[in-house]
Protein backbone atom coordinates (compact mmCIF):
# COMPACT_ATOMS: atom_id res chain seq x y z
CA MET A 1 0.08 0.04 0.12
CA GLN A 2 1.16 3.57 -0.95
CA LEU A 3 1.53 6.78 1.06
CA VAL A 4 0.94 9.80 -1.11
CA ILE A 5 1.85 13.14 0.82
CA LEU A 6 0.27 16.52 -0.39
CA ALA A 7 3.45 18.76 -0.10
CA ALA A 8 3.10 21.25 -2.95
CA GLY A 9 1.87 24.01 -0.91
CA MET A 10 4.13 27.05 -0.48
CA GLY A 11 2.96 27.66 3.05
CA SER A 12 2.26 31.34 2.72
CA ARG A 13 0.41 31.99 6.00
CA PHE A 14 3.50 29.99 7.71
CA GLY A 15 6.08 32.38 5.70
CA GLY A 16 7.85 29.83 3.81
CA LEU A 17 8.03 26.17 2.69
CA LYS A 18 6.84 24.85 5.97
CA GLN A 19 7.20 21.20 4.75
CA MET A 20 10.93 21.73 4.83
CA GLU A 21 11.24 23.22 8.12
CA PRO A 22 13.22 21.43 10.69
CA MET A 23 11.37 20.54 13.67
CA ASP A 24 14.20 18.87 15.82
CA ASP A 25 17.74 19.17 16.66
CA TYR A 26 18.69 16.62 13.87
CA GLY A 27 17.26 18.57 11.16
CA ASN A 28 14.21 16.18 10.55
CA PHE A 29 10.88 17.81 9.25
CA LEU A 30 7.49 16.93 10.11
CA LEU A 31 7.36 14.71 6.83
CA ASP A 32 10.43 12.51 8.28
CA PHE A 33 8.03 11.38 11.10
CA SER A 34 4.84 10.93 8.93
CA VAL A 35 7.17 8.37 6.36
CA TYR A 36 8.61 6.66 9.54
CA ASP A 37 5.51 6.33 11.05
CA ALA A 38 3.70 5.14 7.89
CA LYS A 39 6.53 2.40 7.34
CA ARG A 40 6.26 0.77 10.30
CA ALA A 41 2.73 0.76 10.00
CA GLY A 42 3.16 -1.46 6.98
CA PHE A 43 3.20 0.93 4.12
CA ASP A 44 5.79 -0.14 1.34
CA SER A 45 6.11 3.09 -0.69
CA VAL A 46 5.62 6.89 -0.73
CA VAL A 47 4.74 9.42 -3.44
CA PHE A 48 5.53 12.97 -2.57
CA ILE A 49 3.49 15.57 -4.63
CA ILE A 50 5.71 18.77 -4.86
CA LYS A 51 6.15 21.79 -7.09
CA LYS A 52 9.16 20.83 -9.93
CA ASP A 53 11.07 23.88 -8.91
CA PHE A 54 11.65 22.42 -5.48
CA TYR A 55 12.53 19.00 -6.46
CA GLN A 56 16.28 19.26 -5.98
CA ALA A 57 16.13 20.77 -2.75
CA PHE A 58 13.38 18.31 -1.59
CA LYS A 59 15.32 15.43 -2.95
CA ASP A 60 18.55 16.31 -1.18
CA SER A 61 17.05 17.18 2.12
CA ILE A 62 14.10 14.66 3.10
CA GLY A 63 14.58 12.64 0.05
CA LYS A 64 17.70 11.39 0.63
CA ARG A 65 16.88 10.30 4.31
CA VAL A 66 13.51 8.49 3.43
CA GLU A 67 15.08 6.78 0.29
CA LYS A 68 17.00 4.49 2.71
CA ILE A 69 13.94 2.95 4.28
CA ILE A 70 10.95 3.17 1.57
CA LYS A 71 10.50 3.21 -2.06
CA VAL A 72 9.80 6.70 -3.12
CA ASP A 73 8.49 8.74 -6.19
CA TYR A 74 7.97 12.29 -7.06
CA ALA A 75 4.90 13.92 -8.78
CA PHE A 76 4.89 17.51 -9.60
CA GLN A 77 1.68 19.49 -9.29
CA ASP A 78 1.53 21.97 -12.03
CA ILE A 79 -1.14 24.60 -12.87
CA ASN A 80 -0.71 23.81 -16.39
CA ASP A 81 -1.40 19.99 -15.99
CA LEU A 82 -4.98 19.91 -17.47
CA PRO A 83 -7.08 17.89 -19.62
CA ALA A 84 -7.59 18.92 -23.38
CA PRO A 85 -8.84 21.36 -24.14
CA PHE A 86 -8.46 23.27 -21.00
CA LYS A 87 -5.80 25.70 -20.33
CA CYS A 88 -4.73 27.86 -17.45
CA PRO A 89 -6.28 31.08 -17.52
CA GLU A 90 -3.77 34.05 -17.85
CA GLY A 91 -2.90 35.60 -14.32
CA ARG A 92 -3.57 32.52 -12.25
CA VAL A 93 -0.66 31.41 -10.06
CA LYS A 94 -2.45 29.44 -7.23
CA PRO A 95 -2.67 25.65 -7.52
CA TRP A 96 -5.82 23.84 -8.53
CA GLY A 97 -6.31 22.41 -5.09
CA THR A 98 -5.87 18.86 -3.48
CA ALA A 99 -7.79 17.02 -5.61
CA HIS A 100 -5.66 18.16 -8.46
CA ALA A 101 -2.54 17.77 -6.56
CA ILE A 102 -3.78 13.68 -6.36
CA TYR A 103 -4.37 13.94 -9.94
CA ALA A 104 -0.92 14.82 -10.77
CA ALA A 105 0.02 11.60 -9.26
CA ARG A 106 -2.01 9.60 -11.44
CA GLU A 107 0.95 7.78 -13.17
CA PHE A 108 2.48 6.66 -9.94
CA ILE A 109 -0.83 5.66 -7.76
CA LYS A 110 -0.97 1.62 -8.38
CA ASP A 111 -2.66 0.40 -5.19
CA ASP A 112 -4.75 1.51 -2.42
CA PHE A 113 -3.17 4.30 -0.64
CA ILE A 114 -3.70 7.01 1.92
CA ILE A 115 -3.23 10.86 1.65
CA ILE A 116 -1.87 12.95 4.10
CA ASN A 117 -0.89 16.81 4.17
CA GLY A 118 2.89 17.36 4.39
CA ASP A 119 2.64 19.83 7.33
CA ASP A 120 0.61 17.69 9.63
CA PHE A 121 1.79 15.30 12.30
CA TYR A 122 -0.66 12.33 12.92
CA GLY A 123 0.97 9.83 15.08
CA LYS A 124 1.69 6.28 14.79
CA ASP A 125 -1.78 4.80 15.83
CA THR A 126 -3.11 6.73 12.90
CA TYR A 127 -1.22 5.04 10.37
CA LYS A 128 -1.66 1.67 11.83
CA VAL A 129 -5.55 2.08 12.02
CA ALA A 130 -5.46 3.43 8.67
CA PHE A 131 -3.04 0.24 7.27
CA ASP A 132 -5.40 -1.99 9.22
CA TYR A 133 -8.53 -0.71 7.60
CA LEU A 134 -7.05 -0.88 3.83
CA SER A 135 -5.57 -4.22 4.34
CA LYS A 136 -8.78 -5.91 5.38
CA LEU A 137 -10.81 -4.95 2.58
CA PRO A 138 -11.49 -7.49 -0.27
CA LYS A 139 -8.96 -7.23 -3.19
CA GLY A 140 -10.24 -4.76 -5.72
CA SER A 141 -12.66 -2.80 -3.51
CA CYS A 142 -14.11 0.14 -4.96
CA GLY A 143 -15.51 3.41 -3.45
CA ALA A 144 -14.90 1.79 0.13
CA TYR A 145 -12.99 4.80 1.61
CA ALA A 146 -12.13 5.99 5.17
CA ASN A 147 -11.32 9.04 6.92
CA VAL A 148 -9.31 9.29 10.19
CA ALA A 149 -10.82 12.17 12.14
CA PHE A 150 -9.93 14.32 14.92
CA GLN A 151 -11.74 16.46 17.53
CA VAL A 152 -11.91 20.11 16.07
CA ALA A 153 -10.72 21.83 19.05
CA ASN A 154 -7.37 19.81 18.95
CA THR A 155 -6.83 21.00 15.44
CA MET A 156 -6.96 24.70 16.13
CA THR A 157 -4.29 27.32 16.90
CA GLU A 158 -4.41 30.28 19.05
CA ASN A 159 -2.72 32.28 15.91
CA GLY A 160 -5.45 32.29 13.29
CA SER A 161 -7.86 30.67 11.59
CA VAL A 162 -7.37 27.12 9.94
CA LYS A 163 -9.15 25.19 6.87
CA ARG A 164 -10.81 22.00 8.05
CA GLY A 165 -13.28 19.41 6.61
CA VAL A 166 -16.13 19.40 9.16
CA VAL A 167 -17.51 15.68 9.23
CA PHE A 168 -20.92 14.82 9.78
CA SER A 169 -22.27 11.34 10.37
CA ASP A 170 -25.88 10.03 10.59
CA ASP A 171 -25.09 6.64 12.07
CA GLY A 172 -21.92 7.46 13.93
CA VAL A 173 -19.77 4.94 11.69
CA ASN A 174 -19.94 6.35 8.10
CA MET A 175 -19.48 9.90 6.84
CA SER A 176 -22.82 11.41 5.60
CA LYS A 177 -21.48 15.05 4.79
CA LEU A 178 -18.07 16.85 4.73
CA ILE A 179 -17.65 20.60 4.58
CA GLU A 180 -14.61 22.21 3.88
CA SER A 181 -14.69 25.14 5.92
CA THR A 182 -12.66 27.93 7.40
CA VAL A 183 -12.52 27.34 11.38
CA GLU A 184 -12.10 29.77 14.07
CA ARG A 185 -12.91 30.70 17.71
CA LYS A 186 -15.33 33.69 17.79
CA ASP A 187 -17.17 34.99 20.96
CA GLY A 188 -16.43 32.07 22.80
CA LYS A 189 -17.67 29.37 20.45
CA ILE A 190 -16.18 27.81 17.58
CA LEU A 191 -17.35 29.19 14.04
CA CYS A 192 -17.09 27.19 10.78
CA THR A 193 -17.47 29.06 7.55
CA PRO A 194 -18.02 27.02 4.25
CA LEU A 195 -15.40 27.86 1.81
CA GLU A 196 -17.82 27.27 -1.29
CA GLY A 197 -20.44 29.18 0.34
CA GLY A 198 -23.17 28.89 2.57
CA GLU A 199 -24.30 29.85 6.06
CA PRO A 200 -21.73 29.83 8.95
CA PHE A 201 -22.44 27.39 11.71
CA ASN A 202 -21.12 26.68 15.23
CA VAL A 203 -19.88 23.26 16.49
CA GLU A 204 -18.88 21.76 19.75
CA ALA A 205 -15.13 21.21 20.64
CA ASP A 206 -15.34 17.66 20.37
CA HIS A 207 -16.83 17.78 16.65
CA PRO A 208 -14.81 15.55 13.91
CA VAL A 209 -12.98 17.20 11.21
CA SER A 210 -11.25 15.78 8.43
CA MET A 211 -7.43 16.57 8.46
CA ASN A 212 -7.01 15.09 5.04
CA LEU A 213 -6.22 11.82 5.94
CA PHE A 214 -8.16 9.62 3.76
CA CYS A 215 -8.05 5.80 2.89
CA PHE A 216 -8.67 5.21 -0.72
CA ASN A 217 -9.05 2.78 -3.37
CA LYS A 218 -7.38 3.08 -6.57
CA ASP A 219 -10.62 3.67 -8.15
CA LEU A 220 -10.45 7.41 -6.71
CA MET A 221 -7.81 8.08 -9.40
CA ASP A 222 -10.84 7.08 -11.88
CA ARG A 223 -13.11 9.32 -10.37
CA LEU A 224 -10.63 12.13 -10.57
CA VAL A 225 -9.97 12.00 -14.24
CA GLU A 226 -14.04 11.54 -14.71
CA ARG A 227 -14.81 14.79 -12.73
CA PHE A 228 -11.97 17.15 -13.13
CA PRO A 229 -13.12 18.29 -16.76
CA ALA A 230 -16.79 19.00 -15.66
CA TRP A 231 -15.35 21.04 -12.45
CA LEU A 232 -12.84 22.78 -15.07
CA GLU A 233 -15.95 23.84 -16.99
CA LYS A 234 -17.74 25.29 -14.14
CA ASN A 235 -14.66 26.91 -12.37
CA GLY A 236 -11.79 26.81 -14.61
CA ASN A 237 -11.82 30.79 -15.38
CA GLU A 238 -11.65 31.70 -12.07
CA LEU A 239 -8.25 32.38 -10.71
CA LYS A 240 -8.62 31.27 -6.91
CA SER A 241 -11.18 28.33 -7.56
CA GLU A 242 -9.88 24.85 -5.98
CA PHE A 243 -10.69 21.31 -6.94
CA LEU A 244 -10.61 20.02 -3.37
CA ILE A 245 -10.62 16.32 -2.31
CA PRO A 246 -13.04 16.81 0.62
CA THR A 247 -15.68 18.06 -2.00
CA VAL A 248 -14.93 15.34 -4.46
CA VAL A 249 -15.46 12.85 -1.64
CA ASP A 250 -18.40 14.65 -0.18
CA GLU A 251 -20.08 14.38 -3.81
CA LEU A 252 -19.41 10.65 -4.21
CA VAL A 253 -20.99 10.00 -0.85
CA SER A 254 -24.12 12.15 -1.74
CA GLU A 255 -24.46 10.26 -4.97
CA GLY A 256 -24.23 6.56 -3.40
CA LYS A 257 -20.92 6.17 -5.15
CA ALA A 258 -18.57 5.61 -2.13
CA SER A 259 -18.89 5.28 1.57
CA VAL A 260 -16.26 6.80 4.14
CA LYS A 261 -15.74 5.02 7.14
CA LEU A 262 -15.05 7.23 10.42
CA LEU A 263 -11.86 5.49 11.87
CA LYS A 264 -11.01 6.18 15.60
CA THR A 265 -7.19 6.74 16.78
CA SER A 266 -5.61 7.19 20.15
CA SER A 267 -2.92 9.43 18.48
CA VAL A 268 -2.92 13.01 19.08
CA TRP A 269 -2.69 15.54 16.12
CA PHE A 270 -0.79 18.63 15.83
CA GLY A 271 0.73 20.94 13.04
CA VAL A 272 1.93 24.16 11.61
CA THR A 273 0.03 26.58 10.03
CA TYR A 274 1.76 29.77 11.05
CA LYS A 275 5.20 30.31 12.03
CA GLU A 276 4.13 31.08 15.56
CA ASP A 277 2.92 27.42 15.66
CA LYS A 278 6.31 26.02 15.66
CA PRO A 279 7.63 26.25 19.21
CA ALA A 280 4.66 24.15 20.50
CA VAL A 281 5.26 21.34 17.76
CA VAL A 282 9.04 21.25 18.38
CA ALA A 283 8.17 20.61 22.04
CA SER A 284 5.50 18.07 21.52
CA LEU A 285 7.90 16.03 19.27
CA LYS A 286 10.71 16.38 21.87
CA LYS A 287 8.27 14.84 24.42
CA LEU A 288 7.40 12.01 22.26
CA VAL A 289 11.15 11.08 21.81
CA GLU A 290 11.65 11.40 25.62
CA ALA A 291 8.79 9.06 26.09
CA GLY A 292 10.48 6.65 23.91
CA GLU A 293 7.98 6.89 20.88
CA TYR A 294 10.76 7.82 18.59
CA LYS A 295 14.63 7.28 18.78
CA GLU A 296 16.64 10.33 18.56
CA GLY A 297 17.41 11.18 15.21
CA ILE A 298 14.34 8.90 13.91
CA TYR A 299 16.49 6.94 11.21
């Protein structure tokens, strides 16, 4: 099974390429911990989705480390990578979103896989839960997806708003709705504002949100190839519109073409959205090393 890492973001709110920001005394990034955890859970290859401009720097840093323990491929997210006859509109510089990032890796994804954000720490149990779920599916399964969700209050920062996929479930087992939203604390409450329009709404601190850790069958790639042209027909001339994986998943669930099981984990999420978040992340990683979760230097 494959680990697919979304690492093409520039990290504008962080003030640099946050995926390549050292988080310990050994120069390791959050990506190093993610690959290490996935490898020991059972995943046997990783696909990094990056910008081509950063390929050499990326390969010379994290690439040379993880290539020693796992098979590595590199896919490039390019705003000009569009199906015919579509062309990137003049003036657009923003990437086309997370679903397009996965679409960019279509030649490398050959098996069931999980996706993660390159700037999030999910914890070792999360990868075990995801691997166990996929490994127990019948061979050739289609549309039998899953998501490892976290409590919204545990995924927020005091330094600004964050983007989260707000998860809803009718039965407590399967996802019924996923709303990609800007999430922030306001007037003592947690306010969610849908990115694609709709009325803002409040949720409780323990409400589940998606941190983009999805378990997918290989058939998702066919779904993206099918749906991307229709999305471009509607949104392709906008300079900031994004083809988002939570939106695609929500549509597939609504249409009855996929199910998304909600998986529970004992791991605690943390991540870096803003530069001010880094000290807390560094301290959290250090505590995990001291507790024996990781050896110093990881590798």
